[in-house]
Amino acid sequence: GCGSAAEEGLRYKDVSDATGGLVLPICSDDWGSILGQLAEETFGNRLRFPLSGTPEGAIEVAIDGAPTSDWSYDAAQNEVVFTEADAPPAGSTIAIRYVPACGT
């Protein structure tokens, strides 16, 4: 929130978290950096790919059908992560295969 001017939108944050979105402060004095983050997330190369289940065992990743090992797994966020240098090119098809753990 912004003091008494606004309250934190917890339901909006829940939806954003569930869909891999962004939560940015509406009360910021620097809208340039906020809009820059939003544009990068919307139009830039994606670096993070959330998984729908928790992997049990190996994860296989392919970019446009070619296997790659240029990624890491962020267990805390349950995401496959690429570095800027190894980001899949815009328009690529990313295939992530894994066996989900029971109950996820």
PDB file of N, CA and C in Angstrom:
ATOM      1  N   GLY A   1       0.813  -1.199   0.000  1.00  0.00           N
ATOM      2  CA  GLY A   1       0.000   0.000   0.000  1.00  0.00           C
ATOM      3  C   GLY A   1       0.844   1.245   0.000  1.00  0.00           C
ATOM      4  N   CYS A   2       0.203   2.372  -0.127  1.00  0.00           N
ATOM      5  CA  CYS A   2       0.858   3.693  -0.141  1.00  0.00           C
ATOM      6  C   CYS A   2       0.392   4.488   1.060  1.00  0.00           C
ATOM      7  N   GLY A   3       0.700   4.025   2.241  1.00  0.00           N
ATOM      8  CA  GLY A   3       0.167   4.707   3.413  1.00  0.00           C
ATOM      9  C   GLY A   3      -1.328   4.484   3.465  1.00  0.00           C
ATOM     10  N   SER A   4      -2.088   5.562   3.602  1.00  0.00           N
ATOM     11  CA  SER A   4      -3.550   5.423   3.660  1.00  0.00           C
ATOM     12  C   SER A   4      -4.190   5.517   2.277  1.00  0.00           C
ATOM     13  N   ALA A   5      -3.385   5.753   1.220  1.00  0.00           N
ATOM     14  CA  ALA A   5      -3.942   5.948  -0.122  1.00  0.00           C
ATOM     15  C   ALA A   5      -4.331   4.645  -0.810  1.00  0.00           C
ATOM     16  N   ALA A   6      -3.749   3.516  -0.440  1.00  0.00           N
ATOM     17  CA  ALA A   6      -4.051   2.263  -1.118  1.00  0.00           C
ATOM     18  C   ALA A   6      -3.809   1.093  -0.179  1.00  0.00           C
ATOM     19  N   GLU A   7      -4.473   0.005  -0.469  1.00  0.00           N
ATOM     20  CA  GLU A   7      -4.269  -1.223   0.292  1.00  0.00           C
ATOM     21  C   GLU A   7      -3.687  -2.280  -0.633  1.00  0.00           C
ATOM     22  N   GLU A   8      -2.913  -3.174  -0.060  1.00  0.00           N
ATOM     23  CA  GLU A   8      -2.315  -4.246  -0.848  1.00  0.00           C
ATOM     24  C   GLU A   8      -3.404  -5.153  -1.415  1.00  0.00           C
ATOM     25  N   GLY A   9      -3.322  -5.444  -2.715  1.00  0.00           N
ATOM     26  CA  GLY A   9      -4.296  -6.302  -3.380  1.00  0.00           C
ATOM     27  C   GLY A   9      -3.874  -7.755  -3.304  1.00  0.00           C
ATOM     28  N   LEU A  10      -4.174  -8.413  -2.205  1.00  0.00           N
ATOM     29  CA  LEU A  10      -3.705  -9.782  -1.987  1.00  0.00           C
ATOM     30  C   LEU A  10      -4.275 -10.762  -3.001  1.00  0.00           C
ATOM     31  N   ARG A  11      -5.525 -10.599  -3.408  1.00  0.00           N
ATOM     32  CA  ARG A  11      -6.095 -11.517  -4.398  1.00  0.00           C
ATOM     33  C   ARG A  11      -5.413 -11.335  -5.749  1.00  0.00           C
ATOM     34  N   TYR A  12      -5.080 -10.083  -6.114  1.00  0.00           N
ATOM     35  CA  TYR A  12      -4.353  -9.855  -7.357  1.00  0.00           C
ATOM     36  C   TYR A  12      -2.986 -10.526  -7.305  1.00  0.00           C
ATOM     37  N   LYS A  13      -2.326 -10.422  -6.157  1.00  0.00           N
ATOM     38  CA  LYS A  13      -1.015 -11.051  -5.987  1.00  0.00           C
ATOM     39  C   LYS A  13      -1.135 -12.574  -6.104  1.00  0.00           C
ATOM     40  N   ASP A  14      -2.174 -13.149  -5.513  1.00  0.00           N
ATOM     41  CA  ASP A  14      -2.383 -14.599  -5.607  1.00  0.00           C
ATOM     42  C   ASP A  14      -2.528 -15.048  -7.060  1.00  0.00           C
ATOM     43  N   VAL A  15      -3.310 -14.300  -7.839  1.00  0.00           N
ATOM     44  CA  VAL A  15      -3.503 -14.639  -9.255  1.00  0.00           C
ATOM     45  C   VAL A  15      -2.186 -14.484 -10.008  1.00  0.00           C
ATOM     46  N   SER A  16      -1.468 -13.408  -9.734  1.00  0.00           N
ATOM     47  CA  SER A  16      -0.186 -13.185 -10.396  1.00  0.00           C
ATOM     48  C   SER A  16       0.797 -14.302 -10.070  1.00  0.00           C
ATOM     49  N   ASP A  17       0.869 -14.683  -8.808  1.00  0.00           N
ATOM     50  CA  ASP A  17       1.768 -15.763  -8.399  1.00  0.00           C
ATOM     51  C   ASP A  17       1.377 -17.085  -9.072  1.00  0.00           C
ATOM     52  N   ALA A  18       0.086 -17.352  -9.160  1.00  0.00           N
ATOM     53  CA  ALA A  18      -0.386 -18.617  -9.729  1.00  0.00           C
ATOM     54  C   ALA A  18      -0.158 -18.703 -11.234  1.00  0.00           C
ATOM     55  N   THR A  19      -0.050 -17.565 -11.895  1.00  0.00           N
ATOM     56  CA  THR A  19       0.106 -17.564 -13.355  1.00  0.00           C
ATOM     57  C   THR A  19       1.488 -17.127 -13.811  1.00  0.00           C
ATOM     58  N   GLY A  20       2.422 -16.949 -12.870  1.00  0.00           N
ATOM     59  CA  GLY A  20       3.773 -16.544 -13.239  1.00  0.00           C
ATOM     60  C   GLY A  20       3.870 -15.089 -13.644  1.00  0.00           C
ATOM     61  N   GLY A  21       2.957 -14.263 -13.150  1.00  0.00           N
ATOM     62  CA  GLY A  21       2.940 -12.840 -13.502  1.00  0.00           C
ATOM     63  C   GLY A  21       3.844 -12.002 -12.617  1.00  0.00           C
ATOM     64  N   LEU A  22       3.722 -10.710 -12.782  1.00  0.00           N
ATOM     65  CA  LEU A  22       4.504  -9.752 -12.012  1.00  0.00           C
ATOM     66  C   LEU A  22       3.631  -9.063 -10.977  1.00  0.00           C
ATOM     67  N   VAL A  23       4.232  -8.704  -9.868  1.00  0.00           N
ATOM     68  CA  VAL A  23       3.589  -7.847  -8.880  1.00  0.00           C
ATOM     69  C   VAL A  23       4.503  -6.645  -8.728  1.00  0.00           C
ATOM     70  N   LEU A  24       3.995  -5.488  -9.132  1.00  0.00           N
ATOM     71  CA  LEU A  24       4.787  -4.270  -9.103  1.00  0.00           C
ATOM     72  C   LEU A  24       4.058  -3.210  -8.286  1.00  0.00           C
ATOM     73  N   PRO A  25       4.809  -2.326  -7.615  1.00  0.00           N
ATOM     74  CA  PRO A  25       4.170  -1.330  -6.742  1.00  0.00           C
ATOM     75  C   PRO A  25       3.492  -0.213  -7.540  1.00  0.00           C
ATOM     76  N   ILE A  26       2.227   0.017  -7.257  1.00  0.00           N
ATOM     77  CA  ILE A  26       1.484   1.065  -7.943  1.00  0.00           C
ATOM     78  C   ILE A  26       1.839   2.448  -7.389  1.00  0.00           C
ATOM     79  N   CYS A  27       2.370   2.502  -6.187  1.00  0.00           N
ATOM     80  CA  CYS A  27       2.667   3.777  -5.540  1.00  0.00           C
ATOM     81  C   CYS A  27       4.103   4.241  -5.768  1.00  0.00           C
ATOM     82  N   SER A  28       4.777   3.682  -6.726  1.00  0.00           N
ATOM     83  CA  SER A  28       6.165   4.033  -6.991  1.00  0.00           C
ATOM     84  C   SER A  28       6.294   5.455  -7.533  1.00  0.00           C
ATOM     85  N   ASP A  29       7.391   6.099  -7.208  1.00  0.00           N
ATOM     86  CA  ASP A  29       7.694   7.409  -7.781  1.00  0.00           C
ATOM     87  C   ASP A  29       8.404   7.256  -9.120  1.00  0.00           C
ATOM     88  N   ASP A  30       8.873   6.054  -9.436  1.00  0.00           N
ATOM     89  CA  ASP A  30       9.631   5.809 -10.670  1.00  0.00           C
ATOM     90  C   ASP A  30       8.866   4.859 -11.576  1.00  0.00           C
ATOM     91  N   TRP A  31       7.918   5.380 -12.323  1.00  0.00           N
ATOM     92  CA  TRP A  31       7.129   4.549 -13.224  1.00  0.00           C
ATOM     93  C   TRP A  31       7.936   4.084 -14.427  1.00  0.00           C
ATOM     94  N   GLY A  32       9.022   4.768 -14.744  1.00  0.00           N
ATOM     95  CA  GLY A  32       9.859   4.357 -15.864  1.00  0.00           C
ATOM     96  C   GLY A  32      10.428   2.967 -15.661  1.00  0.00           C
ATOM     97  N   SER A  33      10.956   2.699 -14.473  1.00  0.00           N
ATOM     98  CA  SER A  33      11.531   1.377 -14.221  1.00  0.00           C
ATOM     99  C   SER A  33      10.438   0.313 -14.132  1.00  0.00           C
ATOM    100  N   ILE A  34       9.279   0.661 -13.588  1.00  0.00           N
ATOM    101  CA  ILE A  34       8.176  -0.297 -13.503  1.00  0.00           C
ATOM    102  C   ILE A  34       7.691  -0.671 -14.899  1.00  0.00           C
ATOM    103  N   LEU A  35       7.502   0.327 -15.750  1.00  0.00           N
ATOM    104  CA  LEU A  35       7.063   0.037 -17.117  1.00  0.00           C
ATOM    105  C   LEU A  35       8.139  -0.718 -17.891  1.00  0.00           C
ATOM    106  N   GLY A  36       9.415  -0.441 -17.604  1.00  0.00           N
ATOM    107  CA  GLY A  36      10.512  -1.183 -18.223  1.00  0.00           C
ATOM    108  C   GLY A  36      10.466  -2.652 -17.846  1.00  0.00           C
ATOM    109  N   GLN A  37      10.229  -2.940 -16.560  1.00  0.00           N
ATOM    110  CA  GLN A  37      10.106  -4.338 -16.107  1.00  0.00           C
ATOM    111  C   GLN A  37       8.924  -5.016 -16.783  1.00  0.00           C
ATOM    112  N   LEU A  38       7.804  -4.307 -16.860  1.00  0.00           N
ATOM    113  CA  LEU A  38       6.609  -4.864 -17.475  1.00  0.00           C
ATOM    114  C   LEU A  38       6.839  -5.154 -18.957  1.00  0.00           C
ATOM    115  N   ALA A  39       7.485  -4.222 -19.661  1.00  0.00           N
ATOM    116  CA  ALA A  39       7.767  -4.423 -21.083  1.00  0.00           C
ATOM    117  C   ALA A  39       8.723  -5.588 -21.300  1.00  0.00           C
ATOM    118  N   GLU A  40       9.751  -5.695 -20.470  1.00  0.00           N
ATOM    119  CA  GLU A  40      10.714  -6.792 -20.605  1.00  0.00           C
ATOM    120  C   GLU A  40      10.035  -8.135 -20.388  1.00  0.00           C
ATOM    121  N   GLU A  41       9.171  -8.212 -19.383  1.00  0.00           N
ATOM    122  CA  GLU A  41       8.462  -9.449 -19.090  1.00  0.00           C
ATOM    123  C   GLU A  41       7.482  -9.791 -20.219  1.00  0.00           C
ATOM    124  N   THR A  42       6.855  -8.769 -20.779  1.00  0.00           N
ATOM    125  CA  THR A  42       5.838  -8.987 -21.804  1.00  0.00           C
ATOM    126  C   THR A  42       6.435  -9.256 -23.176  1.00  0.00           C
ATOM    127  N   PHE A  43       7.453  -8.476 -23.554  1.00  0.00           N
ATOM    128  CA  PHE A  43       7.970  -8.534 -24.916  1.00  0.00           C
ATOM    129  C   PHE A  43       9.386  -9.072 -25.037  1.00  0.00           C
ATOM    130  N   GLY A  44      10.094  -9.210 -23.917  1.00  0.00           N
ATOM    131  CA  GLY A  44      11.465  -9.707 -23.954  1.00  0.00           C
ATOM    132  C   GLY A  44      11.498 -11.228 -24.015  1.00  0.00           C
ATOM    133  N   ASN A  45      12.699 -11.759 -24.163  1.00  0.00           N
ATOM    134  CA  ASN A  45      12.846 -13.220 -24.148  1.00  0.00           C
ATOM    135  C   ASN A  45      12.508 -13.740 -22.763  1.00  0.00           C
ATOM    136  N   ARG A  46      11.714 -14.786 -22.730  1.00  0.00           N
ATOM    137  CA  ARG A  46      11.398 -15.416 -21.452  1.00  0.00           C
ATOM    138  C   ARG A  46      12.587 -16.210 -20.972  1.00  0.00           C
ATOM    139  N   LEU A  47      12.869 -16.075 -19.688  1.00  0.00           N
ATOM    140  CA  LEU A  47      13.978 -16.805 -19.087  1.00  0.00           C
ATOM    141  C   LEU A  47      13.497 -17.858 -18.089  1.00  0.00           C
ATOM    142  N   ARG A  48      12.269 -17.728 -17.601  1.00  0.00           N
ATOM    143  CA  ARG A  48      11.748 -18.624 -16.571  1.00  0.00           C
ATOM    144  C   ARG A  48      10.485 -19.308 -17.080  1.00  0.00           C
ATOM    145  N   PHE A  49      10.427 -20.633 -16.884  1.00  0.00           N
ATOM    146  CA  PHE A  49       9.298 -21.425 -17.349  1.00  0.00           C
ATOM    147  C   PHE A  49       8.755 -22.241 -16.178  1.00  0.00           C
ATOM    148  N   PRO A  50       7.635 -21.799 -15.593  1.00  0.00           N
ATOM    149  CA  PRO A  50       7.070 -22.535 -14.457  1.00  0.00           C
ATOM    150  C   PRO A  50       6.543 -23.901 -14.877  1.00  0.00           C
ATOM    151  N   LEU A  51       6.728 -24.880 -14.009  1.00  0.00           N
ATOM    152  CA  LEU A  51       6.247 -26.237 -14.262  1.00  0.00           C
ATOM    153  C   LEU A  51       4.900 -26.425 -13.576  1.00  0.00           C
ATOM    154  N   SER A  52       4.056 -27.251 -14.145  1.00  0.00           N
ATOM    155  CA  SER A  52       2.726 -27.469 -13.572  1.00  0.00           C
ATOM    156  C   SER A  52       2.731 -28.487 -12.440  1.00  0.00           C
ATOM    157  N   GLY A  53       3.789 -29.276 -12.333  1.00  0.00           N
ATOM    158  CA  GLY A  53       3.930 -30.251 -11.254  1.00  0.00           C
ATOM    159  C   GLY A  53       5.362 -30.276 -10.770  1.00  0.00           C
ATOM    160  N   THR A  54       5.588 -30.879  -9.616  1.00  0.00           N
ATOM    161  CA  THR A  54       6.941 -30.995  -9.084  1.00  0.00           C
ATOM    162  C   THR A  54       7.624 -32.205  -9.711  1.00  0.00           C
ATOM    163  N   PRO A  55       8.784 -32.001 -10.351  1.00  0.00           N
ATOM    164  CA  PRO A  55       9.451 -33.124 -11.018  1.00  0.00           C
ATOM    165  C   PRO A  55       9.951 -34.181 -10.033  1.00  0.00           C
ATOM    166  N   GLU A  56       9.816 -35.420 -10.461  1.00  0.00           N
ATOM    167  CA  GLU A  56      10.399 -36.535  -9.724  1.00  0.00           C
ATOM    168  C   GLU A  56      11.440 -37.143 -10.661  1.00  0.00           C
ATOM    169  N   GLY A  57      12.694 -36.871 -10.404  1.00  0.00           N
ATOM    170  CA  GLY A  57      13.747 -37.366 -11.285  1.00  0.00           C
ATOM    171  C   GLY A  57      14.177 -36.320 -12.297  1.00  0.00           C
ATOM    172  N   ALA A  58      14.634 -36.813 -13.450  1.00  0.00           N
ATOM    173  CA  ALA A  58      15.259 -35.966 -14.460  1.00  0.00           C
ATOM    174  C   ALA A  58      14.253 -35.061 -15.175  1.00  0.00           C
ATOM    175  N   ILE A  59      14.767 -33.915 -15.607  1.00  0.00           N
ATOM    176  CA  ILE A  59      14.020 -32.968 -16.431  1.00  0.00           C
ATOM    177  C   ILE A  59      14.748 -32.892 -17.768  1.00  0.00           C
ATOM    178  N   GLU A  60      14.006 -32.976 -18.863  1.00  0.00           N
ATOM    179  CA  GLU A  60      14.589 -32.840 -20.198  1.00  0.00           C
ATOM    180  C   GLU A  60      14.022 -31.586 -20.843  1.00  0.00           C
ATOM    181  N   VAL A  61      14.910 -30.781 -21.440  1.00  0.00           N
ATOM    182  CA  VAL A  61      14.496 -29.532 -22.079  1.00  0.00           C
ATOM    183  C   VAL A  61      14.988 -29.530 -23.520  1.00  0.00           C
ATOM    184  N   ALA A  62      14.119 -29.110 -24.431  1.00  0.00           N
ATOM    185  CA  ALA A  62      14.490 -28.984 -25.843  1.00  0.00           C
ATOM    186  C   ALA A  62      14.004 -27.637 -26.359  1.00  0.00           C
ATOM    187  N   ILE A  63      14.815 -27.031 -27.214  1.00  0.00           N
ATOM    188  CA  ILE A  63      14.453 -25.784 -27.883  1.00  0.00           C
ATOM    189  C   ILE A  63      14.317 -26.101 -29.361  1.00  0.00           C
ATOM    190  N   ASP A  64      13.118 -25.899 -29.897  1.00  0.00           N
ATOM    191  CA  ASP A  64      12.821 -26.224 -31.297  1.00  0.00           C
ATOM    192  C   ASP A  64      13.242 -27.648 -31.651  1.00  0.00           C
ATOM    193  N   GLY A  65      12.994 -28.583 -30.730  1.00  0.00           N
ATOM    194  CA  GLY A  65      13.271 -29.992 -30.958  1.00  0.00           C
ATOM    195  C   GLY A  65      14.687 -30.438 -30.646  1.00  0.00           C
ATOM    196  N   ALA A  66      15.601 -29.502 -30.375  1.00  0.00           N
ATOM    197  CA  ALA A  66      16.995 -29.852 -30.079  1.00  0.00           C
ATOM    198  C   ALA A  66      17.221 -29.869 -28.566  1.00  0.00           C
ATOM    199  N   PRO A  67      17.644 -31.005 -28.015  1.00  0.00           N
ATOM    200  CA  PRO A  67      17.913 -31.064 -26.576  1.00  0.00           C
ATOM    201  C   PRO A  67      18.969 -30.035 -26.170  1.00  0.00           C
ATOM    202  N   THR A  68      18.798 -29.478 -24.986  1.00  0.00           N
ATOM    203  CA  THR A  68      19.754 -28.512 -24.464  1.00  0.00           C
ATOM    204  C   THR A  68      19.969 -28.753 -22.977  1.00  0.00           C
ATOM    205  N   SER A  69      21.168 -28.423 -22.520  1.00  0.00           N
ATOM    206  CA  SER A  69      21.475 -28.496 -21.091  1.00  0.00           C
ATOM    207  C   SER A  69      21.813 -27.114 -20.548  1.00  0.00           C
ATOM    208  N   ASP A  70      21.545 -26.083 -21.342  1.00  0.00           N
ATOM    209  CA  ASP A  70      21.873 -24.705 -20.964  1.00  0.00           C
ATOM    210  C   ASP A  70      20.754 -24.077 -20.145  1.00  0.00           C
ATOM    211  N   TRP A  71      20.416 -24.695 -19.031  1.00  0.00           N
ATOM    212  CA  TRP A  71      19.353 -24.218 -18.163  1.00  0.00           C
ATOM    213  C   TRP A  71      19.614 -24.759 -16.762  1.00  0.00           C
ATOM    214  N   SER A  72      18.865 -24.250 -15.803  1.00  0.00           N
ATOM    215  CA  SER A  72      18.932 -24.774 -14.436  1.00  0.00           C
ATOM    216  C   SER A  72      17.508 -24.921 -13.918  1.00  0.00           C
ATOM    217  N   TYR A  73      17.382 -25.634 -12.823  1.00  0.00           N
ATOM    218  CA  TYR A  73      16.073 -25.827 -12.204  1.00  0.00           C
ATOM    219  C   TYR A  73      16.040 -25.081 -10.887  1.00  0.00           C
ATOM    220  N   ASP A  74      15.072 -24.198 -10.716  1.00  0.00           N
ATOM    221  CA  ASP A  74      14.860 -23.465  -9.470  1.00  0.00           C
ATOM    222  C   ASP A  74      13.776 -24.210  -8.689  1.00  0.00           C
ATOM    223  N   ALA A  75      14.197 -25.026  -7.732  1.00  0.00           N
ATOM    224  CA  ALA A  75      13.250 -25.857  -6.978  1.00  0.00           C
ATOM    225  C   ALA A  75      12.304 -25.017  -6.135  1.00  0.00           C
ATOM    226  N   ALA A  76      12.788 -23.904  -5.589  1.00  0.00           N
ATOM    227  CA  ALA A  76      11.937 -23.060  -4.745  1.00  0.00           C
ATOM    228  C   ALA A  76      10.762 -22.490  -5.538  1.00  0.00           C
ATOM    229  N   GLN A  77      10.993 -22.154  -6.802  1.00  0.00           N
ATOM    230  CA  GLN A  77       9.943 -21.594  -7.652  1.00  0.00           C
ATOM    231  C   GLN A  77       9.338 -22.638  -8.590  1.00  0.00           C
ATOM    232  N   ASN A  78       9.931 -23.830  -8.624  1.00  0.00           N
ATOM    233  CA  ASN A  78       9.507 -24.913  -9.512  1.00  0.00           C
ATOM    234  C   ASN A  78       9.503 -24.432 -10.969  1.00  0.00           C
ATOM    235  N   GLU A  79      10.665 -23.905 -11.396  1.00  0.00           N
ATOM    236  CA  GLU A  79      10.792 -23.347 -12.738  1.00  0.00           C
ATOM    237  C   GLU A  79      12.084 -23.803 -13.402  1.00  0.00           C
ATOM    238  N   VAL A  80      12.029 -23.967 -14.719  1.00  0.00           N
ATOM    239  CA  VAL A  80      13.230 -24.127 -15.530  1.00  0.00           C
ATOM    240  C   VAL A  80      13.691 -22.713 -15.869  1.00  0.00           C
ATOM    241  N   VAL A  81      14.989 -22.446 -15.663  1.00  0.00           N
ATOM    242  CA  VAL A  81      15.514 -21.086 -15.799  1.00  0.00           C
ATOM    243  C   VAL A  81      16.682 -21.069 -16.782  1.00  0.00           C
ATOM    244  N   PHE A  82      16.642 -20.123 -17.713  1.00  0.00           N
ATOM    245  CA  PHE A  82      17.740 -19.878 -18.638  1.00  0.00           C
ATOM    246  C   PHE A  82      18.444 -18.593 -18.234  1.00  0.00           C
ATOM    247  N   THR A  83      19.736 -18.489 -18.521  1.00  0.00           N
ATOM    248  CA  THR A  83      20.444 -17.223 -18.333  1.00  0.00           C
ATOM    249  C   THR A  83      20.188 -16.351 -19.561  1.00  0.00           C
ATOM    250  N   GLU A  84      20.496 -15.078 -19.466  1.00  0.00           N
ATOM    251  CA  GLU A  84      20.356 -14.176 -20.623  1.00  0.00           C
ATOM    252  C   GLU A  84      21.141 -14.715 -21.811  1.00  0.00           C
ATOM    253  N   ALA A  85      22.351 -15.201 -21.553  1.00  0.00           N
ATOM    254  CA  ALA A  85      23.210 -15.696 -22.636  1.00  0.00           C
ATOM    255  C   ALA A  85      22.639 -16.935 -23.321  1.00  0.00           C
ATOM    256  N   ASP A  86      21.886 -17.744 -22.572  1.00  0.00           N
ATOM    257  CA  ASP A  86      21.347 -18.991 -23.117  1.00  0.00           C
ATOM    258  C   ASP A  86      19.841 -18.925 -23.371  1.00  0.00           C
ATOM    259  N   ALA A  87      19.272 -17.732 -23.366  1.00  0.00           N
ATOM    260  CA  ALA A  87      17.828 -17.576 -23.556  1.00  0.00           C
ATOM    261  C   ALA A  87      17.393 -18.135 -24.907  1.00  0.00           C
ATOM    262  N   PRO A  88      16.289 -18.856 -24.925  1.00  0.00           N
ATOM    263  CA  PRO A  88      15.771 -19.335 -26.206  1.00  0.00           C
ATOM    264  C   PRO A  88      15.411 -18.147 -27.100  1.00  0.00           C
ATOM    265  N   PRO A  89      15.689 -18.234 -28.389  1.00  0.00           N
ATOM    266  CA  PRO A  89      15.329 -17.133 -29.289  1.00  0.00           C
ATOM    267  C   PRO A  89      13.815 -16.890 -29.288  1.00  0.00           C
ATOM    268  N   ALA A  90      13.432 -15.642 -29.525  1.00  0.00           N
ATOM    269  CA  ALA A  90      12.012 -15.304 -29.599  1.00  0.00           C
ATOM    270  C   ALA A  90      11.333 -16.193 -30.636  1.00  0.00           C
ATOM    271  N   GLY A  91      10.153 -16.680 -30.311  1.00  0.00           N
ATOM    272  CA  GLY A  91       9.394 -17.529 -31.224  1.00  0.00           C
ATOM    273  C   GLY A  91       9.751 -19.001 -31.160  1.00  0.00           C
ATOM    274  N   SER A  92      10.711 -19.362 -30.309  1.00  0.00           N
ATOM    275  CA  SER A  92      11.113 -20.770 -30.180  1.00  0.00           C
ATOM    276  C   SER A  92      10.023 -21.583 -29.505  1.00  0.00           C
ATOM    277  N   THR A  93      10.033 -22.873 -29.785  1.00  0.00           N
ATOM    278  CA  THR A  93       9.172 -23.813 -29.071  1.00  0.00           C
ATOM    279  C   THR A  93      10.011 -24.478 -28.001  1.00  0.00           C
ATOM    280  N   ILE A  94       9.582 -24.338 -26.759  1.00  0.00           N
ATOM    281  CA  ILE A  94      10.301 -24.912 -25.620  1.00  0.00           C
ATOM    282  C   ILE A  94       9.506 -26.128 -25.139  1.00  0.00           C
ATOM    283  N   ALA A  95      10.150 -27.287 -25.116  1.00  0.00           N
ATOM    284  CA  ALA A  95       9.515 -28.510 -24.614  1.00  0.00           C
ATOM    285  C   ALA A  95      10.237 -28.923 -23.341  1.00  0.00           C
ATOM    286  N   ILE A  96       9.480 -29.075 -22.274  1.00  0.00           N
ATOM    287  CA  ILE A  96      10.031 -29.498 -20.985  1.00  0.00           C
ATOM    288  C   ILE A  96       9.321 -30.781 -20.594  1.00  0.00           C
ATOM    289  N   ARG A  97      10.098 -31.844 -20.416  1.00  0.00           N
ATOM    290  CA  ARG A  97       9.530 -33.152 -20.076  1.00  0.00           C
ATOM    291  C   ARG A  97      10.082 -33.619 -18.743  1.00  0.00           C
ATOM    292  N   TYR A  98       9.157 -34.145 -17.935  1.00  0.00           N
ATOM    293  CA  TYR A  98       9.531 -34.684 -16.624  1.00  0.00           C
ATOM    294  C   TYR A  98       8.383 -35.530 -16.128  1.00  0.00           C
ATOM    295  N   VAL A  99       8.675 -36.356 -15.161  1.00  0.00           N
ATOM    296  CA  VAL A  99       7.629 -37.132 -14.499  1.00  0.00           C
ATOM    297  C   VAL A  99       7.243 -36.376 -13.244  1.00  0.00           C
ATOM    298  N   PRO A 100       5.974 -35.978 -13.120  1.00  0.00           N
ATOM    299  CA  PRO A 100       5.564 -35.259 -11.933  1.00  0.00           C
ATOM    300  C   PRO A 100       5.446 -36.195 -10.734  1.00  0.00           C
ATOM    301  N   ALA A 101       5.837 -35.675  -9.578  1.00  0.00           N
ATOM    302  CA  ALA A 101       5.696 -36.441  -8.345  1.00  0.00           C
ATOM    303  C   ALA A 101       4.219 -36.657  -8.058  1.00  0.00           C
ATOM    304  N   CYS A 102       3.897 -37.725  -7.385  1.00  0.00           N
ATOM    305  CA  CYS A 102       2.504 -38.010  -7.043  1.00  0.00           C
ATOM    306  C   CYS A 102       1.917 -36.866  -6.231  1.00  0.00           C
ATOM    307  N   GLY A 103       0.698 -36.479  -6.572  1.00  0.00           N
ATOM    308  CA  GLY A 103       0.011 -35.456  -5.815  1.00  0.00           C
ATOM    309  C   GLY A 103       0.347 -34.037  -6.224  1.00  0.00           C
ATOM    310  N   THR A 104       1.136 -33.847  -7.298  1.00  0.00           N
ATOM    311  CA  THR A 104       1.447 -32.470  -7.708  1.00  0.00           C
ATOM    312  C   THR A 104       0.838 -32.171  -9.061  1.00  0.00           C
TER     313      THR A 104
END
